[in-house]
Structure formats: structure tokens, C-alpha cells
Amino acid sequence: MIRVVLPYHLRTLASVDGEVLLEVKSPATLSGLLDALETRHPVLRGTIRDQITLQRRPFVRFFACKEDLSHDPPDTALPETVVAGREPFLIMGALAGG
């Protein structure tokens, strides 16, 4: 099971507490994880990525194993420690300001 940590506003929208546990088809990729998340919580469709283009929304970032995966292609394989459930996959809102 892959552990996904959502930002507070998306947890509230999806009515979940804590981490979301997902079963992702092998090979586990960024797009596969997002497909599984949106299938399990349809209310999140369009909040993390555009519903038509499936491109990541601006100001949404993906992190795993202390690495920023936000600009990686959708077919990028997830790190083995994430797939094994030892590390979480983080979806965060980007911070901006000056």
C-alpha cells in the first residue's frame, strides 16, 4: 500500500483524516498514483491536476524521499520505498510570497 499525505484543504474536501492508503497497479507511477487517488476520492478530480490535460495544477507539488517530483513526467516510476509503504508520497501546496 502506498501512503499519501494530502494538504489540509484536500483532506477536508475528501473527508479523510491522516494518510490515504492506496493500492496502485504495477508499475507504480505518478499518473497511476493520481488515477488511484481520484478513483477512490472522486471529489479530488480537478484539484491536483487538470481534468482534461491531466497536467499538474500550478502551485501543487509532489515529494517523495526528500525529492521534488513535481516536474517529472507522469510515467515516472515511484521510488521503491514509497511503493513498499516505508516512505509517504506527499502532495503539497506550493508556498509563494515575498
C-alpha atoms as a PDB file:
ATOM      1  CA  MET A   1       0.000   0.000   0.000  1.00  0.00           C
ATOM      2  CA  ILE A   2       1.214   3.457  -0.877  1.00  0.00           C
ATOM      3  CA  ARG A   3       0.835   6.105   1.812  1.00  0.00           C
ATOM      4  CA  VAL A   4      -0.283   9.508   0.508  1.00  0.00           C
ATOM      5  CA  VAL A   5      -0.215  12.666   2.599  1.00  0.00           C
ATOM      6  CA  LEU A   6      -2.601  15.368   1.391  1.00  0.00           C
ATOM      7  CA  PRO A   7      -2.636  19.025   2.381  1.00  0.00           C
ATOM      8  CA  TYR A   8      -5.262  20.006   4.933  1.00  0.00           C
ATOM      9  CA  HIS A   9      -7.740  21.514   2.453  1.00  0.00           C
ATOM     10  CA  LEU A  10      -7.728  18.375   0.264  1.00  0.00           C
ATOM     11  CA  ARG A  11      -8.081  16.100   3.299  1.00  0.00           C
ATOM     12  CA  THR A  12     -11.097  18.160   4.330  1.00  0.00           C
ATOM     13  CA  LEU A  13     -12.580  18.033   0.821  1.00  0.00           C
ATOM     14  CA  ALA A  14     -12.089  14.244   0.632  1.00  0.00           C
ATOM     15  CA  SER A  15     -13.292  13.757   4.230  1.00  0.00           C
ATOM     16  CA  VAL A  16     -10.177  11.856   5.303  1.00  0.00           C
ATOM     17  CA  ASP A  17      -8.064  12.023   8.438  1.00  0.00           C
ATOM     18  CA  GLY A  18      -4.353  11.382   8.228  1.00  0.00           C
ATOM     19  CA  GLU A  19      -2.784   9.460   5.380  1.00  0.00           C
ATOM     20  CA  VAL A  20      -4.627   7.903   2.457  1.00  0.00           C
ATOM     21  CA  LEU A  21      -3.621   4.299   1.706  1.00  0.00           C
ATOM     22  CA  LEU A  22      -3.757   3.345  -1.969  1.00  0.00           C
ATOM     23  CA  GLU A  23      -3.264   0.195  -3.971  1.00  0.00           C
ATOM     24  CA  VAL A  24      -1.570   1.218  -7.231  1.00  0.00           C
ATOM     25  CA  LYS A  25      -1.177  -1.070 -10.232  1.00  0.00           C
ATOM     26  CA  SER A  26       2.366  -2.148 -11.052  1.00  0.00           C
ATOM     27  CA  PRO A  27       4.491  -0.486 -12.191  1.00  0.00           C
ATOM     28  CA  ALA A  28       3.564   2.293  -9.768  1.00  0.00           C
ATOM     29  CA  THR A  29       3.942   5.674 -11.473  1.00  0.00           C
ATOM     30  CA  LEU A  30       2.983   9.259 -10.677  1.00  0.00           C
ATOM     31  CA  SER A  31      -0.022   9.095 -13.007  1.00  0.00           C
ATOM     32  CA  GLY A  32      -1.042   5.674 -11.650  1.00  0.00           C
ATOM     33  CA  LEU A  33      -0.988   7.017  -8.110  1.00  0.00           C
ATOM     34  CA  LEU A  34      -3.074  10.072  -9.066  1.00  0.00           C
ATOM     35  CA  ASP A  35      -5.513   7.867 -11.019  1.00  0.00           C
ATOM     36  CA  ALA A  36      -5.957   5.636  -7.957  1.00  0.00           C
ATOM     37  CA  LEU A  37      -6.394   8.649  -5.661  1.00  0.00           C
ATOM     38  CA  GLU A  38      -9.035  10.229  -7.927  1.00  0.00           C
ATOM     39  CA  THR A  39     -10.844   6.895  -8.313  1.00  0.00           C
ATOM     40  CA  ARG A  40     -11.006   6.401  -4.553  1.00  0.00           C
ATOM     41  CA  HIS A  41     -11.892  10.058  -3.859  1.00  0.00           C
ATOM     42  CA  PRO A  42     -13.684  11.421  -6.961  1.00  0.00           C
ATOM     43  CA  VAL A  43     -14.200  14.780  -5.267  1.00  0.00           C
ATOM     44  CA  LEU A  44     -10.454  15.398  -5.768  1.00  0.00           C
ATOM     45  CA  ARG A  45     -10.719  15.247  -9.592  1.00  0.00           C
ATOM     46  CA  GLY A  46      -9.548  18.564 -10.960  1.00  0.00           C
ATOM     47  CA  THR A  47      -7.955  19.743  -7.723  1.00  0.00           C
ATOM     48  CA  ILE A  48      -4.491  18.218  -8.135  1.00  0.00           C
ATOM     49  CA  ARG A  49      -4.339  18.043 -11.932  1.00  0.00           C
ATOM     50  CA  ASP A  50      -6.409  19.406 -14.780  1.00  0.00           C
ATOM     51  CA  GLN A  51      -9.298  17.074 -15.680  1.00  0.00           C
ATOM     52  CA  ILE A  52      -8.735  17.400 -19.431  1.00  0.00           C
ATOM     53  CA  THR A  53      -4.948  17.609 -19.858  1.00  0.00           C
ATOM     54  CA  LEU A  54      -4.064  15.695 -16.669  1.00  0.00           C
ATOM     55  CA  GLN A  55      -1.272  18.233 -16.104  1.00  0.00           C
ATOM     56  CA  ARG A  56      -0.324  19.075 -12.521  1.00  0.00           C
ATOM     57  CA  ARG A  57      -2.055  22.219 -11.302  1.00  0.00           C
ATOM     58  CA  PRO A  58       0.143  25.261 -10.685  1.00  0.00           C
ATOM     59  CA  PHE A  59       1.150  25.578  -7.036  1.00  0.00           C
ATOM     60  CA  VAL A  60       0.702  21.847  -6.356  1.00  0.00           C
ATOM     61  CA  ARG A  61       3.914  19.962  -5.633  1.00  0.00           C
ATOM     62  CA  PHE A  62       4.821  16.277  -5.288  1.00  0.00           C
ATOM     63  CA  PHE A  63       7.545  14.998  -2.952  1.00  0.00           C
ATOM     64  CA  ALA A  64       8.871  11.545  -2.124  1.00  0.00           C
ATOM     65  CA  CYS A  65      12.024  10.512  -0.281  1.00  0.00           C
ATOM     66  CA  LYS A  66      13.052  14.172   0.145  1.00  0.00           C
ATOM     67  CA  GLU A  67      12.951  14.635  -3.645  1.00  0.00           C
ATOM     68  CA  ASP A  68      10.755  17.063  -5.585  1.00  0.00           C
ATOM     69  CA  LEU A  69       8.933  15.014  -8.250  1.00  0.00           C
ATOM     70  CA  SER A  70       6.703  17.874  -9.380  1.00  0.00           C
ATOM     71  CA  HIS A  71       8.281  18.301 -12.809  1.00  0.00           C
ATOM     72  CA  ASP A  72       8.907  14.611 -13.511  1.00  0.00           C
ATOM     73  CA  PRO A  73       6.950  13.026 -16.395  1.00  0.00           C
ATOM     74  CA  PRO A  74       3.681  11.306 -15.419  1.00  0.00           C
ATOM     75  CA  ASP A  75       5.088   7.875 -16.281  1.00  0.00           C
ATOM     76  CA  THR A  76       7.946   8.255 -13.779  1.00  0.00           C
ATOM     77  CA  ALA A  77       8.197   5.218 -11.519  1.00  0.00           C
ATOM     78  CA  LEU A  78       7.684   5.919  -7.840  1.00  0.00           C
ATOM     79  CA  PRO A  79      10.640   5.228  -5.526  1.00  0.00           C
ATOM     80  CA  GLU A  80      10.703   1.679  -4.164  1.00  0.00           C
ATOM     81  CA  THR A  81      10.475   2.893  -0.560  1.00  0.00           C
ATOM     82  CA  VAL A  82       7.208   4.677  -1.423  1.00  0.00           C
ATOM     83  CA  VAL A  83       5.802   1.630  -3.227  1.00  0.00           C
ATOM     84  CA  ALA A  84       6.715  -0.542  -0.215  1.00  0.00           C
ATOM     85  CA  GLY A  85       4.965   1.889   2.158  1.00  0.00           C
ATOM     86  CA  ARG A  86       8.104   2.777   4.100  1.00  0.00           C
ATOM     87  CA  GLU A  87       8.005   6.426   2.974  1.00  0.00           C
ATOM     88  CA  PRO A  88       4.924   8.537   2.190  1.00  0.00           C
ATOM     89  CA  PHE A  89       4.172  10.330  -1.063  1.00  0.00           C
ATOM     90  CA  LEU A  90       3.485  13.985  -0.243  1.00  0.00           C
ATOM     91  CA  ILE A  91       1.141  16.282  -2.165  1.00  0.00           C
ATOM     92  CA  MET A  92       1.625  19.865  -1.041  1.00  0.00           C
ATOM     93  CA  GLY A  93       0.526  23.326  -1.969  1.00  0.00           C
ATOM     94  CA  ALA A  94       3.476  25.416  -3.101  1.00  0.00           C
ATOM     95  CA  LEU A  95       4.461  28.344  -0.917  1.00  0.00           C
ATOM     96  CA  ALA A  96       4.787  31.704  -2.560  1.00  0.00           C
ATOM     97  CA  GLY A  97       5.439  35.131  -1.257  1.00  0.00           C
ATOM     98  CA  GLY A  98       7.999  37.747  -0.950  1.00  0.00           C
END
